[in-house]
């Protein structure tokens, strides 16, 4: 389950809708959505292997 900010696209994991309701004002969110189950936004599903497979900038390629 995820608390999703509709304005910025950021996500925070949460255990229930009531926790999302308590977290939203603490995070300063006014436009937010609670996603439950497998409806987690795609940006959170990205795996480490997918991230490492991305082409890197020549300057930062050897730093990783």
N, C-alpha and C. Protein backbone atom coordinates (compact mmCIF):
# COMPACT_ATOMS: atom_id res chain seq x y z
N UNK A 1 0.83 -1.16 0.00
CA UNK A 1 0.00 0.00 0.00
C UNK A 1 0.89 1.24 0.00
N UNK A 2 0.43 2.25 -0.69
CA UNK A 2 1.26 3.41 -0.90
C UNK A 2 0.46 4.69 -0.82
N UNK A 3 1.05 5.68 -0.20
CA UNK A 3 0.51 7.04 -0.22
C UNK A 3 1.19 7.75 -1.37
N UNK A 4 0.42 8.24 -2.34
CA UNK A 4 0.95 8.81 -3.57
C UNK A 4 0.57 10.29 -3.66
N UNK A 5 1.57 11.17 -3.80
CA UNK A 5 1.32 12.60 -3.97
C UNK A 5 0.98 12.85 -5.44
N UNK A 6 -0.21 13.40 -5.69
CA UNK A 6 -0.65 13.65 -7.06
C UNK A 6 0.10 14.81 -7.71
N UNK A 7 0.60 15.74 -6.91
CA UNK A 7 1.31 16.90 -7.46
C UNK A 7 2.73 16.56 -7.88
N UNK A 8 3.49 15.90 -7.00
CA UNK A 8 4.91 15.66 -7.25
C UNK A 8 5.21 14.26 -7.76
N UNK A 9 4.31 13.31 -7.53
CA UNK A 9 4.55 11.94 -7.94
C UNK A 9 5.36 11.13 -6.94
N UNK A 10 5.67 11.71 -5.79
CA UNK A 10 6.43 10.97 -4.77
C UNK A 10 5.54 9.95 -4.09
N UNK A 11 6.16 8.93 -3.48
CA UNK A 11 5.41 7.83 -2.85
C UNK A 11 5.97 7.52 -1.48
N UNK A 12 5.10 7.11 -0.58
CA UNK A 12 5.50 6.68 0.76
C UNK A 12 4.74 5.40 1.08
N UNK A 13 5.44 4.37 1.56
CA UNK A 13 4.75 3.13 1.94
C UNK A 13 3.91 3.35 3.20
N UNK A 14 2.76 2.72 3.25
CA UNK A 14 1.91 2.79 4.44
C UNK A 14 1.18 1.46 4.59
N UNK A 15 0.68 1.21 5.80
CA UNK A 15 0.05 -0.06 6.11
C UNK A 15 -1.46 -0.07 5.90
N UNK A 16 -2.09 1.10 5.97
CA UNK A 16 -3.54 1.15 5.85
C UNK A 16 -3.97 2.55 5.42
N UNK A 17 -5.26 2.66 5.08
CA UNK A 17 -5.80 3.95 4.68
C UNK A 17 -5.76 4.94 5.84
N UNK A 18 -6.04 4.46 7.05
CA UNK A 18 -6.03 5.37 8.21
C UNK A 18 -4.63 5.91 8.46
N UNK A 19 -3.59 5.10 8.21
CA UNK A 19 -2.22 5.60 8.35
C UNK A 19 -1.94 6.64 7.27
N UNK A 20 -2.44 6.43 6.05
CA UNK A 20 -2.26 7.40 4.97
C UNK A 20 -2.93 8.73 5.32
N UNK A 21 -4.11 8.66 5.93
CA UNK A 21 -4.83 9.87 6.32
C UNK A 21 -4.03 10.64 7.37
N UNK A 22 -3.38 9.92 8.29
CA UNK A 22 -2.56 10.59 9.31
C UNK A 22 -1.25 11.13 8.72
N UNK A 23 -0.66 10.41 7.76
CA UNK A 23 0.62 10.82 7.19
C UNK A 23 0.51 12.03 6.28
N UNK A 24 -0.58 12.12 5.50
CA UNK A 24 -0.71 13.18 4.49
C UNK A 24 -0.55 14.58 5.07
N UNK A 25 -1.26 14.96 6.13
CA UNK A 25 -1.07 16.31 6.68
C UNK A 25 0.34 16.52 7.24
N UNK A 26 0.92 15.47 7.83
CA UNK A 26 2.27 15.59 8.38
C UNK A 26 3.30 15.83 7.28
N UNK A 27 3.03 15.31 6.09
CA UNK A 27 3.93 15.50 4.95
C UNK A 27 3.60 16.76 4.16
N UNK A 28 2.52 17.44 4.54
CA UNK A 28 2.12 18.66 3.84
C UNK A 28 1.40 18.39 2.53
N UNK A 29 0.81 17.22 2.40
CA UNK A 29 0.14 16.87 1.15
C UNK A 29 -1.31 17.35 1.16
N UNK A 30 -1.73 17.95 0.06
CA UNK A 30 -3.13 18.35 -0.09
C UNK A 30 -3.83 17.50 -1.14
N UNK A 31 -3.11 17.13 -2.20
CA UNK A 31 -3.65 16.28 -3.26
C UNK A 31 -2.91 14.95 -3.22
N UNK A 32 -3.56 13.91 -2.70
CA UNK A 32 -2.90 12.62 -2.58
C UNK A 32 -3.89 11.50 -2.85
N UNK A 33 -3.33 10.33 -3.15
CA UNK A 33 -4.12 9.14 -3.43
C UNK A 33 -3.53 7.98 -2.65
N UNK A 34 -4.40 7.11 -2.17
CA UNK A 34 -3.95 5.90 -1.47
C UNK A 34 -4.08 4.74 -2.45
N UNK A 35 -2.97 4.09 -2.75
CA UNK A 35 -2.96 2.94 -3.66
C UNK A 35 -2.79 1.68 -2.82
N UNK A 36 -3.68 0.72 -3.03
CA UNK A 36 -3.56 -0.51 -2.26
C UNK A 36 -3.21 -1.68 -3.15
N UNK A 37 -2.65 -2.71 -2.58
CA UNK A 37 -2.31 -3.93 -3.30
C UNK A 37 -1.25 -3.72 -4.35
N UNK A 38 -1.47 -4.28 -5.54
CA UNK A 38 -0.51 -4.21 -6.63
C UNK A 38 -0.66 -2.96 -7.48
N UNK A 39 -1.42 -1.98 -7.03
CA UNK A 39 -1.60 -0.75 -7.80
C UNK A 39 -0.50 0.25 -7.49
N UNK A 40 0.62 -0.21 -6.96
CA UNK A 40 1.76 0.65 -6.67
C UNK A 40 2.22 1.30 -7.96
N UNK A 41 2.48 2.60 -7.97
CA UNK A 41 2.91 3.26 -9.20
C UNK A 41 4.16 2.61 -9.79
N UNK A 42 4.29 2.65 -11.09
CA UNK A 42 5.36 1.95 -11.80
C UNK A 42 6.74 2.40 -11.35
N UNK A 43 6.91 3.63 -10.93
CA UNK A 43 8.23 4.09 -10.54
C UNK A 43 8.75 3.35 -9.32
N UNK A 44 7.87 2.78 -8.51
CA UNK A 44 8.30 2.04 -7.33
C UNK A 44 8.63 0.60 -7.67
N UNK A 45 8.21 0.12 -8.83
CA UNK A 45 8.44 -1.27 -9.22
C UNK A 45 9.80 -1.46 -9.88
N UNK A 46 10.50 -0.38 -10.13
CA UNK A 46 11.78 -0.49 -10.82
C UNK A 46 12.76 -1.29 -9.98
N UNK A 47 13.41 -2.26 -10.60
CA UNK A 47 14.35 -3.10 -9.86
C UNK A 47 15.77 -2.57 -10.01
N UNK A 48 16.65 -3.06 -9.17
CA UNK A 48 18.04 -2.63 -9.21
C UNK A 48 18.68 -3.01 -10.54
N UNK A 49 18.37 -4.20 -11.05
CA UNK A 49 18.96 -4.63 -12.32
C UNK A 49 18.51 -3.73 -13.47
N UNK A 50 17.24 -3.31 -13.47
CA UNK A 50 16.77 -2.40 -14.50
C UNK A 50 17.46 -1.05 -14.40
N UNK A 51 17.65 -0.60 -13.18
CA UNK A 51 18.29 0.68 -12.97
C UNK A 51 19.74 0.65 -13.44
N UNK A 52 20.44 -0.45 -13.17
CA UNK A 52 21.84 -0.56 -13.59
C UNK A 52 21.97 -0.76 -15.09
N UNK A 53 20.93 -1.22 -15.76
CA UNK A 53 20.98 -1.44 -17.19
C UNK A 53 20.83 -0.14 -17.99
N UNK A 54 20.45 0.93 -17.34
CA UNK A 54 20.30 2.21 -18.03
C UNK A 54 21.65 2.73 -18.51
N UNK A 55 21.66 3.39 -19.65
CA UNK A 55 22.91 4.00 -20.10
C UNK A 55 23.34 5.11 -19.13
N UNK A 56 24.62 5.18 -18.86
CA UNK A 56 25.14 6.17 -17.93
C UNK A 56 25.89 7.27 -18.65
N UNK A 57 25.94 8.40 -18.02
CA UNK A 57 26.70 9.52 -18.55
C UNK A 57 28.19 9.17 -18.50
N UNK A 58 28.97 9.52 -19.54
CA UNK A 58 30.38 9.15 -19.57
C UNK A 58 31.18 9.60 -18.35
N UNK A 59 30.85 10.72 -17.77
CA UNK A 59 31.60 11.23 -16.62
C UNK A 59 31.35 10.39 -15.38
N UNK A 60 30.11 9.94 -15.18
CA UNK A 60 29.78 9.20 -13.96
C UNK A 60 29.79 7.68 -14.15
N UNK A 61 30.10 7.19 -15.33
CA UNK A 61 30.03 5.76 -15.62
C UNK A 61 30.93 4.93 -14.70
N UNK A 62 32.14 5.35 -14.41
CA UNK A 62 33.04 4.56 -13.59
C UNK A 62 32.90 4.78 -12.11
N UNK A 63 32.08 5.71 -11.68
CA UNK A 63 31.96 6.04 -10.25
C UNK A 63 31.10 5.03 -9.52
N UNK A 64 30.14 4.43 -10.19
CA UNK A 64 29.21 3.50 -9.56
C UNK A 64 29.94 2.33 -9.09
